[in-house]
Amino acid sequence: MIDLETIEREINELEARGDTTYSICERLSWLYVCRDHLRPVREETRTTQELRGSEFLEAASGVNYPALMQILDDHMSALKVVQPKEYDSVMEKIRYLCQGSSSWYN
C-alpha cells in the first residue's frame, strides 16, 4: 500500500521538474486525488496563508480560517446596519471576485 509520504514525495519531484506534458499532468492529477483521499482537510484546522501588508493582513496571517471568517461575518452584519453603503460596496467587490475576476479594481 502506498503511504501519504510516498505520494507527497512523488508530487514534489514531478512539480519540481516543471514538465507540463499531458502524461505528467495526468500522473499529478491522480496523485492529488490519492493525497486528498488519504489526507482529508478538516475544516476546523485550516489556517490562512502567510499574509503581509496592512496591520489587518498581518494579524490575519496563519490564523484559524473558519474562526477568522466568523469574525468577519459578525463585523459585516454590524457594518450592514451602521454603514449600509460601505457594506454594499464590500459585497459588490466580493461578488465581482465570484464572477472569476482576480481583482475588483481592474
C-alpha atoms as a PDB file:
ATOM      1  CA  MET A   1       0.000   0.000   0.000  1.00  0.00           C
ATOM      2  CA  ILE A   2       1.267   3.470  -0.884  1.00  0.00           C
ATOM      3  CA  ASP A   3       1.523   5.854   2.034  1.00  0.00           C
ATOM      4  CA  LEU A   4       0.942   9.604   2.127  1.00  0.00           C
ATOM      5  CA  GLU A   5       4.656  10.340   2.462  1.00  0.00           C
ATOM      6  CA  THR A   6       5.450   8.490  -0.780  1.00  0.00           C
ATOM      7  CA  ILE A   7       2.684  10.313  -2.620  1.00  0.00           C
ATOM      8  CA  GLU A   8       3.861  13.714  -1.341  1.00  0.00           C
ATOM      9  CA  ARG A   9       7.446  12.939  -2.347  1.00  0.00           C
ATOM     10  CA  GLU A  10       6.427  11.958  -5.877  1.00  0.00           C
ATOM     11  CA  ILE A  11       4.236  15.061  -6.236  1.00  0.00           C
ATOM     12  CA  ASN A  12       7.127  17.268  -5.157  1.00  0.00           C
ATOM     13  CA  GLU A  13       9.509  15.565  -7.599  1.00  0.00           C
ATOM     14  CA  LEU A  14       7.123  15.933 -10.537  1.00  0.00           C
ATOM     15  CA  GLU A  15       6.294  19.557  -9.715  1.00  0.00           C
ATOM     16  CA  ALA A  16       9.998  20.394  -9.369  1.00  0.00           C
ATOM     17  CA  ARG A  17      10.689  19.077 -12.884  1.00  0.00           C
ATOM     18  CA  GLY A  18       8.495  21.746 -14.412  1.00  0.00           C
ATOM     19  CA  ASP A  19       7.305  19.453 -17.198  1.00  0.00           C
ATOM     20  CA  THR A  20       3.771  20.119 -18.365  1.00  0.00           C
ATOM     21  CA  THR A  21       3.250  17.181 -20.678  1.00  0.00           C
ATOM     22  CA  TYR A  22      -0.138  15.504 -20.648  1.00  0.00           C
ATOM     23  CA  SER A  23       1.287  12.357 -19.090  1.00  0.00           C
ATOM     24  CA  ILE A  24       2.907  14.306 -16.237  1.00  0.00           C
ATOM     25  CA  CYS A  25      -0.287  16.284 -15.635  1.00  0.00           C
ATOM     26  CA  GLU A  26      -2.347  13.097 -15.645  1.00  0.00           C
ATOM     27  CA  ARG A  27       0.032  11.442 -13.172  1.00  0.00           C
ATOM     28  CA  LEU A  28      -0.089  14.526 -10.925  1.00  0.00           C
ATOM     29  CA  SER A  29      -3.880  14.638 -11.034  1.00  0.00           C
ATOM     30  CA  TRP A  30      -4.126  11.026  -9.833  1.00  0.00           C
ATOM     31  CA  LEU A  31      -1.555  11.685  -7.129  1.00  0.00           C
ATOM     32  CA  TYR A  32      -3.517  14.753  -5.960  1.00  0.00           C
ATOM     33  CA  VAL A  33      -6.696  12.670  -5.755  1.00  0.00           C
ATOM     34  CA  CYS A  34      -4.940   9.966  -3.742  1.00  0.00           C
ATOM     35  CA  ARG A  35      -3.299  12.534  -1.456  1.00  0.00           C
ATOM     36  CA  ASP A  36      -6.589  14.289  -0.827  1.00  0.00           C
ATOM     37  CA  HIS A  37      -8.283  10.983  -0.095  1.00  0.00           C
ATOM     38  CA  LEU A  38      -5.584   9.935   2.367  1.00  0.00           C
ATOM     39  CA  ARG A  39      -5.301  13.387   3.942  1.00  0.00           C
ATOM     40  CA  PRO A  40      -8.784  14.856   4.284  1.00  0.00           C
ATOM     41  CA  VAL A  41      -8.866  18.529   5.211  1.00  0.00           C
ATOM     42  CA  ARG A  42     -10.595  19.148   8.491  1.00  0.00           C
ATOM     43  CA  GLU A  43     -12.495  22.421   8.436  1.00  0.00           C
ATOM     44  CA  GLU A  44     -11.553  23.411  11.962  1.00  0.00           C
ATOM     45  CA  THR A  45      -7.808  23.067  11.354  1.00  0.00           C
ATOM     46  CA  ARG A  46      -7.499  25.120   8.157  1.00  0.00           C
ATOM     47  CA  THR A  47      -5.435  28.263   8.581  1.00  0.00           C
ATOM     48  CA  THR A  48      -4.885  31.284   6.414  1.00  0.00           C
ATOM     49  CA  GLN A  49      -1.745  31.600   4.371  1.00  0.00           C
ATOM     50  CA  GLU A  50       1.024  33.941   5.443  1.00  0.00           C
ATOM     51  CA  LEU A  51      -0.099  37.472   4.634  1.00  0.00           C
ATOM     52  CA  ARG A  52       1.928  40.688   4.501  1.00  0.00           C
ATOM     53  CA  GLY A  53       0.945  44.314   4.220  1.00  0.00           C
ATOM     54  CA  SER A  54      -1.532  46.097   6.428  1.00  0.00           C
ATOM     55  CA  GLU A  55      -1.966  45.609  10.161  1.00  0.00           C
ATOM     56  CA  PHE A  56      -5.131  43.624   9.408  1.00  0.00           C
ATOM     57  CA  LEU A  57      -3.413  41.262   6.949  1.00  0.00           C
ATOM     58  CA  GLU A  58      -0.548  40.583   9.301  1.00  0.00           C
ATOM     59  CA  ALA A  59      -2.961  39.921  12.180  1.00  0.00           C
ATOM     60  CA  ALA A  60      -4.928  37.513   9.939  1.00  0.00           C
ATOM     61  CA  SER A  61      -1.784  35.644   8.887  1.00  0.00           C
ATOM     62  CA  GLY A  62      -1.742  31.974   9.846  1.00  0.00           C
ATOM     63  CA  VAL A  63      -4.931  32.008  11.915  1.00  0.00           C
ATOM     64  CA  ASN A  64      -7.809  29.534  12.013  1.00  0.00           C
ATOM     65  CA  TYR A  65      -9.728  30.238   8.790  1.00  0.00           C
ATOM     66  CA  PRO A  66     -13.281  29.393   9.947  1.00  0.00           C
ATOM     67  CA  ALA A  67     -12.791  31.479  13.102  1.00  0.00           C
ATOM     68  CA  LEU A  68     -11.491  34.422  11.041  1.00  0.00           C
ATOM     69  CA  MET A  69     -14.473  34.177   8.693  1.00  0.00           C
ATOM     70  CA  GLN A  70     -16.855  34.175  11.679  1.00  0.00           C
ATOM     71  CA  ILE A  71     -15.252  37.378  13.000  1.00  0.00           C
ATOM     72  CA  LEU A  72     -15.549  38.997   9.574  1.00  0.00           C
ATOM     73  CA  ASP A  73     -19.142  37.795   9.201  1.00  0.00           C
ATOM     74  CA  ASP A  74     -20.050  39.331  12.559  1.00  0.00           C
ATOM     75  CA  HIS A  75     -18.360  42.582  11.548  1.00  0.00           C
ATOM     76  CA  MET A  76     -20.138  42.629   8.188  1.00  0.00           C
ATOM     77  CA  SER A  77     -23.508  42.180   9.945  1.00  0.00           C
ATOM     78  CA  ALA A  78     -22.758  45.225  12.086  1.00  0.00           C
ATOM     79  CA  LEU A  79     -21.488  47.164   9.083  1.00  0.00           C
ATOM     80  CA  LYS A  80     -24.727  46.438   7.210  1.00  0.00           C
ATOM     81  CA  VAL A  81     -26.696  48.184   9.943  1.00  0.00           C
ATOM     82  CA  VAL A  82     -24.334  51.079  10.681  1.00  0.00           C
ATOM     83  CA  GLN A  83     -22.830  51.754   7.225  1.00  0.00           C
ATOM     84  CA  PRO A  84     -25.100  50.171   4.587  1.00  0.00           C
ATOM     85  CA  LYS A  85     -23.350  51.887   1.660  1.00  0.00           C
ATOM     86  CA  GLU A  86     -19.959  50.582   2.779  1.00  0.00           C
ATOM     87  CA  TYR A  87     -21.471  47.118   3.286  1.00  0.00           C
ATOM     88  CA  ASP A  88     -22.914  47.206  -0.248  1.00  0.00           C
ATOM     89  CA  SER A  89     -19.549  48.300  -1.632  1.00  0.00           C
ATOM     90  CA  VAL A  90     -17.727  45.385   0.020  1.00  0.00           C
ATOM     91  CA  MET A  91     -20.380  42.909  -1.107  1.00  0.00           C
ATOM     92  CA  GLU A  92     -20.151  44.217  -4.682  1.00  0.00           C
ATOM     93  CA  LYS A  93     -16.376  43.646  -4.670  1.00  0.00           C
ATOM     94  CA  ILE A  94     -16.815  40.113  -3.316  1.00  0.00           C
ATOM     95  CA  ARG A  95     -19.461  39.297  -5.912  1.00  0.00           C
ATOM     96  CA  TYR A  96     -17.135  40.594  -8.613  1.00  0.00           C
ATOM     97  CA  LEU A  97     -14.457  38.175  -7.366  1.00  0.00           C
ATOM     98  CA  CYS A  98     -17.011  35.346  -7.501  1.00  0.00           C
ATOM     99  CA  GLN A  99     -17.506  36.054 -11.204  1.00  0.00           C
ATOM    100  CA  GLY A 100     -13.959  34.888 -11.847  1.00  0.00           C
ATOM    101  CA  SER A 101     -12.072  38.144 -11.754  1.00  0.00           C
ATOM    102  CA  SER A 102      -8.878  38.094  -9.720  1.00  0.00           C
ATOM    103  CA  SER A 103      -9.209  41.735  -8.773  1.00  0.00           C
ATOM    104  CA  TRP A 104     -12.157  44.027  -8.145  1.00  0.00           C
ATOM    105  CA  TYR A 105     -10.337  47.174  -9.163  1.00  0.00           C
ATOM    106  CA  ASN A 106      -9.394  46.245 -12.742  1.00  0.00           C
END
